[in-house]
Amino acid sequence: MFDTQIIIITFFVSFFGMLILKFAEEKMKLSKEVLKFILIIALISSIYNALAGMSMIFDWTDPLSKASPEQMGRAAARRGGGFILLLISFWPYILTAYGSIMSWLYFKLLSLTQYK
């Protein structure tokens, strides 16, 4: 249901949305309407991430479940390999939490710009 490429794009849009918003506001001096548009795009991306993460929680199979303990140990022994394995194992939960937090944050920013 949720495409991998779109999840990657929306993750980076919501991740770098704050930097883009700050740059657009301070350096480029864009109008409020353009800033609201950027906020709406970032909010939609974050909501998509939260929904994709929730979907993955229920029907996602861990790609590392078929790996032998020896393969897992070899991968974890490499520099940063253990951290990467941990991220892969808990990716749906990380994506859901990240998408929810960023959605709330972008929604609050959007509601603040409505009253200014």
N, C-alpha and C. Protein backbone atom coordinates (compact mmCIF):
# COMPACT_ATOMS: atom_id res chain seq x y z
N MET A 1 0.82 -1.19 0.00
CA MET A 1 0.00 0.00 0.00
C MET A 1 0.86 1.26 0.00
N PHE A 2 1.91 1.26 0.81
CA PHE A 2 2.80 2.41 0.87
C PHE A 2 4.08 2.06 0.11
N ASP A 3 4.41 2.88 -0.86
CA ASP A 3 5.56 2.63 -1.71
C ASP A 3 6.85 3.05 -1.00
N THR A 4 7.90 2.25 -1.16
CA THR A 4 9.16 2.50 -0.48
C THR A 4 9.79 3.81 -0.91
N GLN A 5 9.76 4.10 -2.19
CA GLN A 5 10.37 5.34 -2.69
C GLN A 5 9.65 6.57 -2.13
N ILE A 6 8.33 6.49 -2.04
CA ILE A 6 7.57 7.62 -1.51
C ILE A 6 7.86 7.79 -0.02
N ILE A 7 8.00 6.68 0.70
CA ILE A 7 8.34 6.77 2.13
C ILE A 7 9.70 7.45 2.30
N ILE A 8 10.66 7.10 1.48
CA ILE A 8 11.99 7.72 1.58
C ILE A 8 11.91 9.21 1.27
N ILE A 9 11.19 9.57 0.23
CA ILE A 9 11.07 10.98 -0.15
C ILE A 9 10.36 11.77 0.95
N THR A 10 9.24 11.25 1.47
CA THR A 10 8.51 11.98 2.51
C THR A 10 9.30 12.04 3.81
N PHE A 11 10.10 11.02 4.08
CA PHE A 11 10.94 11.05 5.29
C PHE A 11 11.94 12.20 5.19
N PHE A 12 12.59 12.34 4.04
CA PHE A 12 13.56 13.41 3.90
C PHE A 12 12.90 14.78 3.81
N VAL A 13 11.72 14.86 3.22
CA VAL A 13 11.00 16.14 3.17
C VAL A 13 10.63 16.58 4.58
N SER A 14 10.12 15.67 5.39
CA SER A 14 9.76 16.05 6.75
C SER A 14 11.00 16.26 7.62
N PHE A 15 12.09 15.54 7.33
CA PHE A 15 13.32 15.70 8.10
C PHE A 15 13.98 17.06 7.82
N PHE A 16 14.07 17.43 6.56
CA PHE A 16 14.72 18.68 6.19
C PHE A 16 13.72 19.83 6.08
N GLY A 17 12.46 19.60 6.39
CA GLY A 17 11.45 20.64 6.29
C GLY A 17 11.73 21.83 7.18
N MET A 18 12.22 21.58 8.38
CA MET A 18 12.53 22.67 9.31
C MET A 18 13.67 23.54 8.77
N LEU A 19 14.69 22.89 8.22
CA LEU A 19 15.81 23.65 7.67
C LEU A 19 15.37 24.48 6.47
N ILE A 20 14.54 23.87 5.62
CA ILE A 20 14.03 24.59 4.45
C ILE A 20 13.16 25.75 4.89
N LEU A 21 12.33 25.52 5.89
CA LEU A 21 11.44 26.57 6.38
C LEU A 21 12.24 27.72 7.00
N LYS A 22 13.23 27.39 7.79
CA LYS A 22 14.06 28.43 8.42
C LYS A 22 14.82 29.23 7.36
N PHE A 23 15.38 28.54 6.39
CA PHE A 23 16.11 29.23 5.31
C PHE A 23 15.17 30.12 4.51
N ALA A 24 13.98 29.62 4.19
CA ALA A 24 13.03 30.39 3.40
C ALA A 24 12.53 31.61 4.16
N GLU A 25 12.42 31.49 5.47
CA GLU A 25 11.91 32.60 6.25
C GLU A 25 12.97 33.66 6.51
N GLU A 26 14.17 33.22 6.86
CA GLU A 26 15.20 34.19 7.24
C GLU A 26 15.99 34.74 6.06
N LYS A 27 16.43 33.89 5.18
CA LYS A 27 17.33 34.33 4.11
C LYS A 27 16.58 34.83 2.88
N MET A 28 15.51 34.13 2.50
CA MET A 28 14.81 34.47 1.26
C MET A 28 13.68 35.47 1.48
N LYS A 29 13.27 35.65 2.73
CA LYS A 29 12.18 36.58 3.09
C LYS A 29 10.92 36.34 2.27
N LEU A 30 10.48 35.07 2.24
CA LEU A 30 9.29 34.71 1.48
C LEU A 30 8.03 35.14 2.22
N SER A 31 6.94 35.24 1.49
CA SER A 31 5.68 35.68 2.07
C SER A 31 5.08 34.58 2.96
N LYS A 32 4.11 34.96 3.76
CA LYS A 32 3.47 34.01 4.68
C LYS A 32 2.76 32.89 3.92
N GLU A 33 2.21 33.19 2.76
CA GLU A 33 1.50 32.18 2.00
C GLU A 33 2.45 31.08 1.52
N VAL A 34 3.64 31.46 1.10
CA VAL A 34 4.63 30.48 0.66
C VAL A 34 5.10 29.64 1.84
N LEU A 35 5.32 30.28 2.98
CA LEU A 35 5.72 29.55 4.18
C LEU A 35 4.64 28.57 4.63
N LYS A 36 3.40 28.98 4.54
CA LYS A 36 2.29 28.08 4.88
C LYS A 36 2.25 26.90 3.92
N PHE A 37 2.51 27.14 2.65
CA PHE A 37 2.54 26.06 1.66
C PHE A 37 3.64 25.06 1.99
N ILE A 38 4.82 25.55 2.36
CA ILE A 38 5.92 24.66 2.75
C ILE A 38 5.54 23.86 3.98
N LEU A 39 4.89 24.50 4.94
CA LEU A 39 4.44 23.80 6.15
C LEU A 39 3.42 22.73 5.83
N ILE A 40 2.52 23.01 4.93
CA ILE A 40 1.49 22.03 4.56
C ILE A 40 2.12 20.83 3.88
N ILE A 41 3.09 21.06 3.00
CA ILE A 41 3.79 19.95 2.33
C ILE A 41 4.52 19.10 3.37
N ALA A 42 5.20 19.74 4.31
CA ALA A 42 5.92 18.99 5.35
C ALA A 42 4.94 18.25 6.26
N LEU A 43 3.79 18.85 6.55
CA LEU A 43 2.78 18.19 7.39
C LEU A 43 2.22 16.96 6.69
N ILE A 44 1.92 17.07 5.42
CA ILE A 44 1.40 15.92 4.67
C ILE A 44 2.45 14.81 4.62
N SER A 45 3.71 15.17 4.43
CA SER A 45 4.78 14.16 4.42
C SER A 45 4.89 13.46 5.76
N SER A 46 4.78 14.20 6.84
CA SER A 46 4.89 13.60 8.17
C SER A 46 3.70 12.69 8.47
N ILE A 47 2.52 13.09 8.07
CA ILE A 47 1.34 12.24 8.27
C ILE A 47 1.48 10.96 7.46
N TYR A 48 1.99 11.08 6.25
CA TYR A 48 2.22 9.90 5.41
C TYR A 48 3.21 8.95 6.09
N ASN A 49 4.27 9.50 6.69
CA ASN A 49 5.24 8.66 7.40
C ASN A 49 4.61 7.95 8.58
N ALA A 50 3.79 8.65 9.34
CA ALA A 50 3.14 8.02 10.49
C ALA A 50 2.20 6.89 10.04
N LEU A 51 1.44 7.12 9.00
CA LEU A 51 0.53 6.09 8.51
C LEU A 51 1.28 4.91 7.91
N ALA A 52 2.38 5.19 7.20
CA ALA A 52 3.18 4.10 6.64
C ALA A 52 3.81 3.27 7.75
N GLY A 53 4.27 3.91 8.80
CA GLY A 53 4.83 3.18 9.93
C GLY A 53 3.79 2.31 10.63
N MET A 54 2.59 2.85 10.80
CA MET A 54 1.52 2.05 11.41
C MET A 54 1.16 0.86 10.54
N SER A 55 1.15 1.07 9.25
CA SER A 55 0.87 -0.04 8.34
C SER A 55 1.96 -1.10 8.41
N MET A 56 3.21 -0.67 8.51
CA MET A 56 4.32 -1.61 8.61
C MET A 56 4.31 -2.40 9.90
N ILE A 57 3.83 -1.80 10.96
CA ILE A 57 3.79 -2.51 12.25
C ILE A 57 2.95 -3.77 12.15
N PHE A 58 1.86 -3.69 11.42
CA PHE A 58 0.94 -4.82 11.36
C PHE A 58 1.29 -5.86 10.31
N ASP A 59 1.94 -5.48 9.22
CA ASP A 59 2.18 -6.47 8.16
C ASP A 59 3.63 -6.54 7.69
N TRP A 60 4.55 -6.00 8.46
CA TRP A 60 5.96 -5.98 8.07
C TRP A 60 6.67 -7.19 8.66
N THR A 61 7.46 -7.85 7.84
CA THR A 61 8.29 -8.94 8.35
C THR A 61 9.73 -8.45 8.41
N ASP A 62 10.37 -8.75 9.49
CA ASP A 62 11.74 -8.30 9.71
C ASP A 62 12.65 -8.98 8.69
N PRO A 63 13.37 -8.20 7.87
CA PRO A 63 14.24 -8.83 6.88
C PRO A 63 15.42 -9.58 7.51
N LEU A 64 15.68 -9.33 8.77
CA LEU A 64 16.78 -10.01 9.45
C LEU A 64 16.35 -11.27 10.16
N SER A 65 15.07 -11.64 10.06
CA SER A 65 14.58 -12.81 10.79
C SER A 65 15.14 -14.11 10.23
N LYS A 66 15.52 -14.11 8.97
CA LYS A 66 16.06 -15.33 8.36
C LYS A 66 17.58 -15.42 8.44
N ALA A 67 18.21 -14.41 9.01
CA ALA A 67 19.67 -14.41 9.12
C ALA A 67 20.10 -15.29 10.29
N SER A 68 21.18 -15.99 10.09
CA SER A 68 21.70 -16.85 11.15
C SER A 68 22.42 -15.99 12.20
N PRO A 69 22.57 -16.52 13.40
CA PRO A 69 23.29 -15.76 14.43
C PRO A 69 24.72 -15.42 14.01
N GLU A 70 25.33 -16.29 13.23
CA GLU A 70 26.69 -16.02 12.76
C GLU A 70 26.71 -14.82 11.82
N GLN A 71 25.73 -14.74 10.91
CA GLN A 71 25.65 -13.61 9.99
C GLN A 71 25.36 -12.31 10.74
N MET A 72 24.48 -12.39 11.72
CA MET A 72 24.15 -11.21 12.52
C MET A 72 25.38 -10.73 13.29
N GLY A 73 26.13 -11.66 13.84
CA GLY A 73 27.33 -11.31 14.58
C GLY A 73 28.38 -10.67 13.70
N ARG A 74 28.55 -11.19 12.50
CA ARG A 74 29.51 -10.60 11.57
C ARG A 74 29.09 -9.19 11.16
N ALA A 75 27.82 -9.00 10.92
CA ALA A 75 27.32 -7.67 10.53
C ALA A 75 27.44 -6.68 11.69
N ALA A 76 27.18 -7.15 12.91
CA ALA A 76 27.25 -6.26 14.06
C ALA A 76 28.69 -5.91 14.42
N ALA A 77 29.64 -6.77 14.06
CA ALA A 77 31.04 -6.53 14.40
C ALA A 77 31.64 -5.41 13.56
N ARG A 78 31.06 -5.13 12.42
CA ARG A 78 31.57 -4.04 11.59
C ARG A 78 31.28 -2.71 12.28
N ARG A 79 31.98 -1.70 11.84
CA ARG A 79 31.83 -0.37 12.44
C ARG A 79 30.40 0.15 12.27
N GLY A 80 29.68 0.31 13.35
CA GLY A 80 28.31 0.80 13.30
C GLY A 80 27.29 -0.22 12.87
N GLY A 81 27.70 -1.45 12.67
CA GLY A 81 26.78 -2.47 12.18
C GLY A 81 25.68 -2.82 13.16
N GLY A 82 26.01 -2.84 14.44
CA GLY A 82 25.00 -3.15 15.45
C GLY A 82 23.90 -2.12 15.51
N PHE A 83 24.27 -0.86 15.36
CA PHE A 83 23.29 0.21 15.36
C PHE A 83 22.38 0.12 14.15
N ILE A 84 22.95 -0.20 13.00
CA ILE A 84 22.15 -0.34 11.77
C ILE A 84 21.18 -1.51 11.91
N LEU A 85 21.63 -2.62 12.47
CA LEU A 85 20.75 -3.78 12.68
C LEU A 85 19.60 -3.41 13.62
N LEU A 86 19.91 -2.63 14.63
CA LEU A 86 18.87 -2.20 15.57
C LEU A 86 17.85 -1.30 14.87
N LEU A 87 18.32 -0.38 14.04
CA LEU A 87 17.41 0.49 13.29
C LEU A 87 16.52 -0.30 12.34
N ILE A 88 17.10 -1.28 11.66
CA ILE A 88 16.30 -2.09 10.74
C ILE A 88 15.24 -2.88 11.49
N SER A 89 15.59 -3.40 12.64
CA SER A 89 14.63 -4.21 13.40
C SER A 89 13.45 -3.40 13.91
N PHE A 90 13.71 -2.16 14.30
CA PHE A 90 12.64 -1.33 14.87
C PHE A 90 12.18 -0.22 13.94
N TRP A 91 12.44 -0.34 12.64
CA TRP A 91 12.10 0.71 11.68
C TRP A 91 10.61 1.10 11.69
N PRO A 92 9.65 0.17 11.71
CA PRO A 92 8.25 0.61 11.70
C PRO A 92 7.89 1.47 12.91
N TYR A 93 8.43 1.13 14.07
CA TYR A 93 8.14 1.90 15.28
C TYR A 93 8.82 3.27 15.24
N ILE A 94 10.03 3.30 14.73
CA ILE A 94 10.74 4.58 14.59
C ILE A 94 10.01 5.49 13.62
N LEU A 95 9.57 4.94 12.49
CA LEU A 95 8.87 5.72 11.48
C LEU A 95 7.54 6.25 12.01
N THR A 96 6.82 5.43 12.75
CA THR A 96 5.55 5.87 13.33
C THR A 96 5.75 6.98 14.35
N ALA A 97 6.71 6.80 15.25
CA ALA A 97 6.96 7.82 16.27
C ALA A 97 7.46 9.12 15.63
N TYR A 98 8.39 8.99 14.69
CA TYR A 98 8.93 10.18 14.03
C TYR A 98 7.84 10.92 13.25
N GLY A 99 7.04 10.18 12.50
CA GLY A 99 5.97 10.81 11.74
C GLY A 99 4.94 11.49 12.62
N SER A 100 4.62 10.87 13.75
CA SER A 100 3.64 11.45 14.67
C SER A 100 4.17 12.72 15.32
N ILE A 101 5.41 12.68 15.78
CA ILE A 101 6.00 13.85 16.43
C ILE A 101 6.15 15.01 15.45
N MET A 102 6.64 14.72 14.26
CA MET A 102 6.81 15.79 13.28
C MET A 102 5.46 16.32 12.78
N SER A 103 4.45 15.46 12.69
CA SER A 103 3.12 15.93 12.30
C SER A 103 2.58 16.90 13.34
N TRP A 104 2.74 16.55 14.61
CA TRP A 104 2.28 17.43 15.68
C TRP A 104 3.03 18.76 15.63
N LEU A 105 4.34 18.70 15.43
CA LEU A 105 5.16 19.90 15.39
C LEU A 105 4.78 20.80 14.22
N TYR A 106 4.63 20.22 13.03
CA TYR A 106 4.25 21.03 11.87
C TYR A 106 2.83 21.57 12.00
N PHE A 107 1.94 20.80 12.62
CA PHE A 107 0.58 21.30 12.84
C PHE A 107 0.58 22.49 13.78
N LYS A 108 1.38 22.41 14.84
CA LYS A 108 1.47 23.55 15.77
C LYS A 108 2.06 24.77 15.09
N LEU A 109 3.10 24.58 14.28
CA LEU A 109 3.68 25.71 13.55
C LEU A 109 2.68 26.31 12.57
N LEU A 110 1.91 25.44 11.91
CA LEU A 110 0.90 25.95 10.98
C LEU A 110 -0.19 26.74 11.70
N SER A 111 -0.60 26.25 12.87
CA SER A 111 -1.63 26.98 13.61
C SER A 111 -1.09 28.30 14.16
N LEU A 112 0.20 28.37 14.48
CA LEU A 112 0.76 29.63 14.92
C LEU A 112 0.85 30.65 13.79
N THR A 113 1.12 30.19 12.59
CA THR A 113 1.21 31.13 11.47
C THR A 113 -0.16 31.61 11.03
N GLN A 114 -1.21 30.90 11.38
CA GLN A 114 -2.57 31.32 11.02
C GLN A 114 -2.96 32.60 11.77
N TYR A 115 -2.45 32.77 12.99
CA TYR A 115 -2.86 33.89 13.83
C TYR A 115 -1.94 35.08 13.77
N LYS A 116 -0.84 34.97 13.05
CA LYS A 116 0.10 36.11 12.96
C LYS A 116 -0.30 37.04 11.86
